[in-house]
C-alpha cells in the first residue's frame, strides 16, 4: 500500500467513525411504525375513548409516551391533545444505556398514562385520532353520536 492509499483509507475510516458516533448520539435517529387498535368506530357522548398503540421499529432515545390528538375533521373541536408538549415524555432520564440504538416493540394504552385526564367523547361529530411518536404517525377516524 502506498502513502496515497493509506491516506484515503484513513480518511474513509475517520468519516465512517464520525457517522457512527453521530448515529449513536443523535436522539432523533429513529424509525417507528404505529398501529392503533381497539378503537371503536362510534362512541356516545360521555363515553370513554379507549385504544392501544402498538409501536414497533428502531430508536436510540429513551422512548416515552406518544403524542395524541383527537380533533374534529373540520378542526373546530378538540376532544383530547398532548400536542402542547414538546414530543414524547422521556422515560429514562440520563441513563446512557437507554440512549443506545435498540429495537422497540411495545403497546401503550394512553388512557392509562393520562388517567388524571380521561379521554371522553364530549361533542357529537366526526373526528380524527392522530398518534405520533418520533418518525411514526397513525391516523384513524371515529364518530361521536348523542
N, C-alpha and C. Protein backbone atom coordinates (compact mmCIF):
# COMPACT_ATOMS: atom_id res chain seq x y z
N UNK A 1 0.85 -1.17 0.00
CA UNK A 1 0.00 0.00 0.00
C UNK A 1 0.90 1.23 0.00
N UNK A 2 0.62 2.14 -0.92
CA UNK A 2 1.43 3.36 -0.95
C UNK A 2 0.83 4.41 -0.02
N UNK A 3 1.50 5.53 0.10
CA UNK A 3 1.09 6.58 1.04
C UNK A 3 -0.27 7.16 0.67
N UNK A 4 -0.53 7.36 -0.64
CA UNK A 4 -1.83 7.90 -1.06
C UNK A 4 -2.98 6.98 -0.67
N UNK A 5 -2.80 5.68 -0.85
CA UNK A 5 -3.85 4.72 -0.48
C UNK A 5 -4.07 4.72 1.02
N UNK A 6 -3.02 4.83 1.79
CA UNK A 6 -3.13 4.85 3.25
C UNK A 6 -3.88 6.10 3.71
N UNK A 7 -3.61 7.23 3.06
CA UNK A 7 -4.31 8.47 3.42
C UNK A 7 -5.80 8.35 3.10
N UNK A 8 -6.12 7.83 1.93
CA UNK A 8 -7.52 7.66 1.54
C UNK A 8 -8.23 6.69 2.49
N UNK A 9 -7.57 5.58 2.82
CA UNK A 9 -8.17 4.59 3.73
C UNK A 9 -8.37 5.20 5.13
N UNK A 10 -7.40 5.95 5.60
CA UNK A 10 -7.52 6.59 6.91
C UNK A 10 -8.62 7.63 6.92
N UNK A 11 -8.71 8.40 5.85
CA UNK A 11 -9.76 9.41 5.74
C UNK A 11 -11.14 8.76 5.72
N UNK A 12 -11.30 7.69 4.95
CA UNK A 12 -12.58 6.98 4.86
C UNK A 12 -12.96 6.38 6.22
N UNK A 13 -11.99 5.83 6.91
CA UNK A 13 -12.24 5.27 8.23
C UNK A 13 -12.67 6.36 9.21
N UNK A 14 -12.03 7.49 9.15
CA UNK A 14 -12.38 8.61 10.02
C UNK A 14 -13.79 9.10 9.77
N UNK A 15 -14.17 9.20 8.50
CA UNK A 15 -15.54 9.64 8.16
C UNK A 15 -16.55 8.62 8.66
N UNK A 16 -16.27 7.34 8.47
CA UNK A 16 -17.18 6.30 8.95
C UNK A 16 -17.33 6.37 10.47
N UNK A 17 -16.25 6.64 11.17
CA UNK A 17 -16.28 6.75 12.62
C UNK A 17 -17.14 7.93 13.06
N UNK A 18 -17.00 9.05 12.38
CA UNK A 18 -17.79 10.25 12.71
C UNK A 18 -19.27 9.97 12.49
N UNK A 19 -19.62 9.31 11.37
CA UNK A 19 -21.02 8.97 11.11
C UNK A 19 -21.56 8.00 12.16
N UNK A 20 -20.76 7.04 12.57
CA UNK A 20 -21.18 6.08 13.59
C UNK A 20 -21.46 6.80 14.91
N UNK A 21 -20.59 7.71 15.30
CA UNK A 21 -20.80 8.46 16.54
C UNK A 21 -22.04 9.35 16.44
N UNK A 22 -22.22 9.98 15.29
CA UNK A 22 -23.40 10.84 15.10
C UNK A 22 -24.67 10.01 15.20
N UNK A 23 -24.64 8.81 14.65
CA UNK A 23 -25.79 7.93 14.69
C UNK A 23 -26.11 7.51 16.12
N UNK A 24 -25.11 7.15 16.88
CA UNK A 24 -25.31 6.67 18.24
C UNK A 24 -25.78 7.78 19.16
N UNK A 25 -25.22 8.97 19.03
CA UNK A 25 -25.51 10.04 19.97
C UNK A 25 -26.57 11.03 19.51
N UNK A 26 -27.16 10.82 18.35
CA UNK A 26 -28.21 11.71 17.86
C UNK A 26 -29.57 11.17 18.29
N UNK A 27 -30.25 11.80 19.25
CA UNK A 27 -31.52 11.27 19.75
C UNK A 27 -32.65 11.28 18.74
N UNK A 28 -32.47 11.93 17.59
CA UNK A 28 -33.56 11.95 16.62
C UNK A 28 -33.44 10.83 15.60
N UNK A 29 -32.41 10.00 15.69
CA UNK A 29 -32.27 8.90 14.75
C UNK A 29 -33.21 7.79 15.16
N UNK A 30 -34.28 7.62 14.41
CA UNK A 30 -35.26 6.61 14.79
C UNK A 30 -36.16 6.29 13.61
N UNK A 31 -36.84 5.18 13.76
CA UNK A 31 -37.87 4.80 12.81
C UNK A 31 -38.92 4.05 13.60
N UNK A 32 -40.13 4.53 13.60
CA UNK A 32 -41.20 3.88 14.31
C UNK A 32 -42.40 3.68 13.41
N UNK A 33 -43.09 2.59 13.64
CA UNK A 33 -44.35 2.31 12.98
C UNK A 33 -45.41 2.24 14.07
N UNK A 34 -46.51 2.93 13.91
CA UNK A 34 -47.56 2.94 14.92
C UNK A 34 -48.83 2.34 14.32
N UNK A 35 -49.42 1.43 15.07
CA UNK A 35 -50.70 0.85 14.69
C UNK A 35 -51.67 1.11 15.84
N UNK A 36 -52.85 1.64 15.51
CA UNK A 36 -53.88 1.91 16.52
C UNK A 36 -54.88 0.76 16.48
N UNK A 37 -55.08 0.12 17.64
CA UNK A 37 -56.02 -0.99 17.72
C UNK A 37 -57.01 -0.72 18.86
N UNK A 38 -58.14 -1.41 18.80
CA UNK A 38 -59.12 -1.31 19.87
C UNK A 38 -59.98 -0.06 19.83
N UNK A 39 -59.82 0.78 18.84
CA UNK A 39 -60.63 1.99 18.72
C UNK A 39 -61.95 1.63 18.03
N UNK A 40 -63.06 1.96 18.68
CA UNK A 40 -64.35 1.69 18.07
C UNK A 40 -64.64 2.76 17.01
N UNK A 41 -65.43 2.43 16.01
CA UNK A 41 -65.76 3.45 15.00
C UNK A 41 -66.74 4.49 15.51
N UNK A 42 -67.57 4.14 16.53
CA UNK A 42 -68.59 5.06 17.04
C UNK A 42 -68.58 5.05 18.57
N UNK A 43 -68.62 6.26 19.14
CA UNK A 43 -68.73 6.44 20.60
C UNK A 43 -69.93 7.33 20.88
N UNK A 44 -70.49 7.20 22.08
CA UNK A 44 -71.58 8.06 22.51
C UNK A 44 -71.02 9.18 23.38
N UNK A 45 -71.68 10.33 23.36
CA UNK A 45 -71.25 11.45 24.20
C UNK A 45 -71.17 10.96 25.65
N UNK A 46 -70.07 11.28 26.29
CA UNK A 46 -69.83 10.86 27.68
C UNK A 46 -69.08 9.56 27.81
N UNK A 47 -68.90 8.85 26.72
CA UNK A 47 -68.20 7.55 26.75
C UNK A 47 -66.69 7.76 26.71
N UNK A 48 -65.96 6.95 27.47
CA UNK A 48 -64.50 7.00 27.43
C UNK A 48 -64.00 6.41 26.11
N UNK A 49 -63.06 7.09 25.50
CA UNK A 49 -62.44 6.60 24.27
C UNK A 49 -61.18 5.84 24.68
N UNK A 50 -61.16 4.57 24.37
CA UNK A 50 -60.01 3.74 24.71
C UNK A 50 -59.44 3.10 23.46
N UNK A 51 -58.14 2.91 23.45
CA UNK A 51 -57.45 2.28 22.32
C UNK A 51 -56.04 1.92 22.76
N UNK A 52 -55.37 1.18 21.92
CA UNK A 52 -53.99 0.77 22.18
C UNK A 52 -53.14 1.19 20.99
N UNK A 53 -51.95 1.68 21.29
CA UNK A 53 -50.99 2.00 20.23
C UNK A 53 -49.90 0.95 20.28
N UNK A 54 -49.72 0.24 19.18
CA UNK A 54 -48.64 -0.75 19.07
C UNK A 54 -47.52 -0.08 18.28
N UNK A 55 -46.39 0.12 18.94
CA UNK A 55 -45.26 0.81 18.33
C UNK A 55 -44.13 -0.18 18.10
N UNK A 56 -43.70 -0.27 16.86
CA UNK A 56 -42.56 -1.12 16.53
C UNK A 56 -41.56 -0.29 15.74
N UNK A 57 -40.33 -0.73 15.71
CA UNK A 57 -39.33 -0.02 14.92
C UNK A 57 -37.99 0.01 15.60
N UNK A 58 -37.34 1.13 15.46
CA UNK A 58 -35.97 1.30 15.92
C UNK A 58 -35.80 2.71 16.44
N UNK A 59 -35.11 2.85 17.56
CA UNK A 59 -34.86 4.19 18.09
C UNK A 59 -33.56 4.19 18.88
N UNK A 60 -33.04 5.37 19.11
CA UNK A 60 -31.89 5.47 20.00
C UNK A 60 -32.11 6.59 21.01
N UNK A 61 -33.36 6.69 21.46
CA UNK A 61 -33.63 7.60 22.56
C UNK A 61 -34.34 6.83 23.66
N UNK A 62 -34.84 7.49 24.64
CA UNK A 62 -35.41 6.83 25.81
C UNK A 62 -36.85 6.39 25.61
N UNK A 63 -37.44 6.71 24.50
CA UNK A 63 -38.83 6.35 24.31
C UNK A 63 -39.73 7.32 25.05
N UNK A 64 -40.87 6.88 25.45
CA UNK A 64 -41.79 7.73 26.18
C UNK A 64 -43.21 7.50 25.74
N UNK A 65 -44.02 8.50 25.91
CA UNK A 65 -45.43 8.41 25.57
C UNK A 65 -45.67 9.18 24.28
N UNK A 66 -46.31 8.55 23.30
CA UNK A 66 -46.54 9.24 22.02
C UNK A 66 -47.47 10.44 22.19
N UNK A 67 -47.39 11.36 21.24
CA UNK A 67 -48.33 12.47 21.18
C UNK A 67 -49.65 11.95 20.62
N UNK A 68 -50.74 12.47 21.17
CA UNK A 68 -52.08 12.05 20.75
C UNK A 68 -52.92 13.30 20.52
N UNK A 69 -53.71 13.26 19.46
CA UNK A 69 -54.62 14.36 19.18
C UNK A 69 -55.91 13.77 18.62
N UNK A 70 -57.05 14.13 19.21
CA UNK A 70 -58.35 13.74 18.68
C UNK A 70 -59.10 15.03 18.38
N UNK A 71 -59.24 15.31 17.10
CA UNK A 71 -59.77 16.60 16.65
C UNK A 71 -60.84 16.37 15.59
N UNK A 72 -61.85 17.24 15.58
CA UNK A 72 -62.91 17.13 14.58
C UNK A 72 -62.31 17.32 13.19
N UNK A 73 -62.95 16.69 12.20
CA UNK A 73 -62.42 16.76 10.84
C UNK A 73 -62.38 18.18 10.30
N UNK A 74 -63.25 19.06 10.82
CA UNK A 74 -63.22 20.46 10.38
C UNK A 74 -62.36 21.35 11.29
N UNK A 75 -61.65 20.72 12.23
CA UNK A 75 -60.73 21.39 13.16
C UNK A 75 -61.41 22.38 14.11
N UNK A 76 -62.73 22.21 14.32
CA UNK A 76 -63.45 23.16 15.18
C UNK A 76 -63.51 22.72 16.64
N UNK A 77 -63.17 21.46 16.93
CA UNK A 77 -63.27 20.97 18.31
C UNK A 77 -62.19 19.92 18.56
N UNK A 78 -61.57 20.01 19.72
CA UNK A 78 -60.55 19.05 20.14
C UNK A 78 -61.08 18.30 21.36
N UNK A 79 -61.15 16.98 21.27
CA UNK A 79 -61.56 16.16 22.42
C UNK A 79 -60.38 15.98 23.36
N UNK A 80 -59.21 15.72 22.80
CA UNK A 80 -58.03 15.43 23.62
C UNK A 80 -56.78 15.73 22.81
N UNK A 81 -55.77 16.30 23.47
CA UNK A 81 -54.50 16.52 22.79
C UNK A 81 -53.36 16.51 23.79
N UNK A 82 -52.22 16.05 23.33
CA UNK A 82 -50.98 16.18 24.11
C UNK A 82 -50.00 17.03 23.30
N UNK A 83 -50.47 17.68 22.24
CA UNK A 83 -49.59 18.45 21.37
C UNK A 83 -49.03 19.69 22.04
N UNK A 84 -49.50 20.02 23.25
CA UNK A 84 -48.93 21.17 23.94
C UNK A 84 -47.57 20.83 24.56
N UNK A 85 -47.20 19.55 24.52
CA UNK A 85 -45.88 19.14 24.99
C UNK A 85 -44.91 19.20 23.82
N UNK A 86 -43.64 19.09 24.12
CA UNK A 86 -42.61 19.07 23.08
C UNK A 86 -42.12 17.65 22.85
N UNK A 87 -42.93 16.83 22.21
CA UNK A 87 -42.52 15.47 21.89
C UNK A 87 -42.83 14.49 23.02
N UNK A 88 -42.44 13.23 22.81
CA UNK A 88 -42.74 12.20 23.80
C UNK A 88 -42.15 12.52 25.16
N UNK A 89 -42.85 12.12 26.22
CA UNK A 89 -42.34 12.27 27.58
C UNK A 89 -41.23 11.24 27.77
N UNK A 90 -40.00 11.67 28.02
CA UNK A 90 -38.91 10.69 28.17
C UNK A 90 -39.14 9.81 29.39
N UNK A 91 -38.71 8.55 29.26
CA UNK A 91 -38.95 7.61 30.35
C UNK A 91 -37.68 7.08 30.97
N UNK A 92 -36.51 7.64 30.64
CA UNK A 92 -35.29 7.06 31.19
C UNK A 92 -34.32 8.07 31.78
N UNK A 93 -34.58 9.34 31.68
CA UNK A 93 -33.66 10.33 32.25
C UNK A 93 -32.32 10.33 31.55
N UNK A 94 -31.25 10.35 32.33
CA UNK A 94 -29.90 10.45 31.76
C UNK A 94 -29.20 9.10 31.65
N UNK A 95 -29.93 8.02 31.65
CA UNK A 95 -29.34 6.69 31.57
C UNK A 95 -28.74 6.47 30.18
N UNK A 96 -27.41 6.43 30.08
CA UNK A 96 -26.72 6.34 28.80
C UNK A 96 -27.09 5.07 28.04
N UNK A 97 -27.23 3.95 28.75
CA UNK A 97 -27.52 2.69 28.07
C UNK A 97 -28.83 2.75 27.31
N UNK A 98 -29.81 3.48 27.82
CA UNK A 98 -31.10 3.58 27.13
C UNK A 98 -31.01 4.49 25.90
N UNK A 99 -29.94 5.24 25.75
CA UNK A 99 -29.77 6.10 24.59
C UNK A 99 -29.09 5.39 23.43
N UNK A 100 -28.63 4.17 23.64
CA UNK A 100 -28.00 3.41 22.57
C UNK A 100 -29.07 2.89 21.62
N UNK A 101 -28.73 2.71 20.34
CA UNK A 101 -29.72 2.22 19.38
C UNK A 101 -30.30 0.87 19.81
N UNK A 102 -31.60 0.75 19.68
CA UNK A 102 -32.25 -0.51 20.03
C UNK A 102 -33.59 -0.62 19.29
N UNK A 103 -34.06 -1.85 19.14
CA UNK A 103 -35.36 -2.04 18.50
C UNK A 103 -36.44 -1.89 19.57
N UNK A 104 -37.62 -1.52 19.13
CA UNK A 104 -38.74 -1.37 20.06
C UNK A 104 -39.93 -2.16 19.55
N UNK A 105 -40.69 -2.66 20.48
CA UNK A 105 -41.94 -3.37 20.19
C UNK A 105 -42.75 -3.26 21.47
N UNK A 106 -43.61 -2.24 21.55
CA UNK A 106 -44.35 -2.02 22.78
C UNK A 106 -45.77 -1.60 22.49
N UNK A 107 -46.62 -1.87 23.47
CA UNK A 107 -48.01 -1.45 23.40
C UNK A 107 -48.25 -0.41 24.48
N UNK A 108 -48.92 0.66 24.10
CA UNK A 108 -49.21 1.75 25.03
C UNK A 108 -50.71 2.00 25.00
N UNK A 109 -51.29 2.09 26.17
CA UNK A 109 -52.70 2.44 26.32
C UNK A 109 -52.76 3.85 26.91
N UNK A 110 -52.94 4.85 26.06
CA UNK A 110 -52.89 6.24 26.54
C UNK A 110 -53.83 6.52 27.70
N UNK A 111 -54.98 5.87 27.75
CA UNK A 111 -55.92 6.12 28.83
C UNK A 111 -55.32 5.73 30.19
N UNK A 112 -54.32 4.86 30.23
CA UNK A 112 -53.65 4.51 31.48
C UNK A 112 -52.63 5.59 31.87
N UNK A 113 -51.94 6.15 30.90
CA UNK A 113 -50.95 7.19 31.18
C UNK A 113 -51.62 8.50 31.56
N UNK A 114 -52.78 8.76 30.98
CA UNK A 114 -53.46 10.04 31.21
C UNK A 114 -54.71 9.83 32.07
N UNK A 115 -54.63 8.98 33.08
CA UNK A 115 -55.79 8.68 33.92
C UNK A 115 -56.29 9.92 34.66
N UNK A 116 -55.40 10.90 34.87
CA UNK A 116 -55.80 12.15 35.52
C UNK A 116 -56.62 13.01 34.57
N UNK A 117 -56.61 12.67 33.30
CA UNK A 117 -57.30 13.45 32.28
C UNK A 117 -57.94 12.48 31.29
N UNK A 118 -59.09 11.90 31.66
CA UNK A 118 -59.70 10.88 30.80
C UNK A 118 -59.97 11.39 29.39
N UNK A 119 -59.94 10.46 28.46
CA UNK A 119 -60.25 10.77 27.07
C UNK A 119 -61.74 10.46 26.89
N UNK A 120 -62.56 11.52 26.89
CA UNK A 120 -64.02 11.36 26.88
C UNK A 120 -64.61 12.05 25.66
N UNK A 121 -65.49 11.33 24.96
CA UNK A 121 -66.22 11.92 23.84
C UNK A 121 -67.20 12.95 24.40
N UNK A 122 -67.01 14.21 24.07
CA UNK A 122 -67.83 15.26 24.69
C UNK A 122 -68.68 16.06 23.73
N UNK A 123 -68.58 15.80 22.43
CA UNK A 123 -69.39 16.55 21.46
C UNK A 123 -69.58 15.69 20.22
N UNK A 124 -70.81 15.64 19.71
CA UNK A 124 -71.11 14.83 18.53
C UNK A 124 -70.35 15.37 17.31
N UNK A 125 -69.94 14.44 16.45
CA UNK A 125 -69.27 14.82 15.21
C UNK A 125 -68.33 13.73 14.73
N UNK A 126 -67.65 14.03 13.64
CA UNK A 126 -66.64 13.12 13.08
C UNK A 126 -65.26 13.64 13.49
N UNK A 127 -64.41 12.70 13.91
CA UNK A 127 -63.10 13.05 14.45
C UNK A 127 -62.00 12.21 13.81
N UNK A 128 -60.79 12.74 13.92
CA UNK A 128 -59.59 12.00 13.51
C UNK A 128 -58.68 11.89 14.72
N UNK A 129 -58.30 10.67 15.05
CA UNK A 129 -57.33 10.42 16.10
C UNK A 129 -55.97 10.31 15.42
N UNK A 130 -55.02 11.13 15.85
CA UNK A 130 -53.66 11.07 15.34
C UNK A 130 -52.73 10.72 16.48
N UNK A 131 -51.94 9.67 16.28
CA UNK A 131 -50.93 9.27 17.25
C UNK A 131 -49.58 9.38 16.56
N UNK A 132 -48.64 10.09 17.17
CA UNK A 132 -47.31 10.22 16.58
C UNK A 132 -46.25 9.99 17.63
N UNK A 133 -45.15 9.43 17.18
CA UNK A 133 -44.04 9.09 18.06
C UNK A 133 -42.77 9.14 17.22
N UNK A 134 -41.93 10.15 17.47
CA UNK A 134 -40.71 10.34 16.67
C UNK A 134 -41.09 10.39 15.19
N UNK A 135 -40.63 9.45 14.38
CA UNK A 135 -40.91 9.47 12.94
C UNK A 135 -42.19 8.75 12.55
N UNK A 136 -42.84 8.09 13.51
CA UNK A 136 -44.05 7.32 13.20
C UNK A 136 -45.31 8.13 13.41
N UNK A 137 -46.33 7.82 12.61
CA UNK A 137 -47.60 8.53 12.73
C UNK A 137 -48.71 7.61 12.22
N UNK A 138 -49.84 7.61 12.93
CA UNK A 138 -51.00 6.84 12.50
C UNK A 138 -52.24 7.69 12.72
N UNK A 139 -53.22 7.51 11.84
CA UNK A 139 -54.49 8.23 11.96
C UNK A 139 -55.64 7.26 11.80
N UNK A 140 -56.70 7.48 12.58
CA UNK A 140 -57.92 6.69 12.49
C UNK A 140 -59.10 7.63 12.68
N UNK A 141 -60.18 7.33 11.97
CA UNK A 141 -61.40 8.13 12.10
C UNK A 141 -62.34 7.49 13.10
N UNK A 142 -63.13 8.33 13.77
CA UNK A 142 -64.17 7.87 14.68
C UNK A 142 -65.29 8.89 14.67
N UNK A 143 -66.45 8.43 15.10
CA UNK A 143 -67.61 9.33 15.21
C UNK A 143 -68.10 9.33 16.63
N UNK A 144 -68.67 10.48 17.03
CA UNK A 144 -69.31 10.61 18.34
C UNK A 144 -70.77 10.98 18.06
N UNK A 145 -71.69 10.20 18.68
CA UNK A 145 -73.11 10.42 18.47
C UNK A 145 -73.78 10.70 19.82
N UNK A 146 -74.97 11.34 19.81
CA UNK A 146 -75.67 11.62 21.08
C UNK A 146 -76.06 10.34 21.80
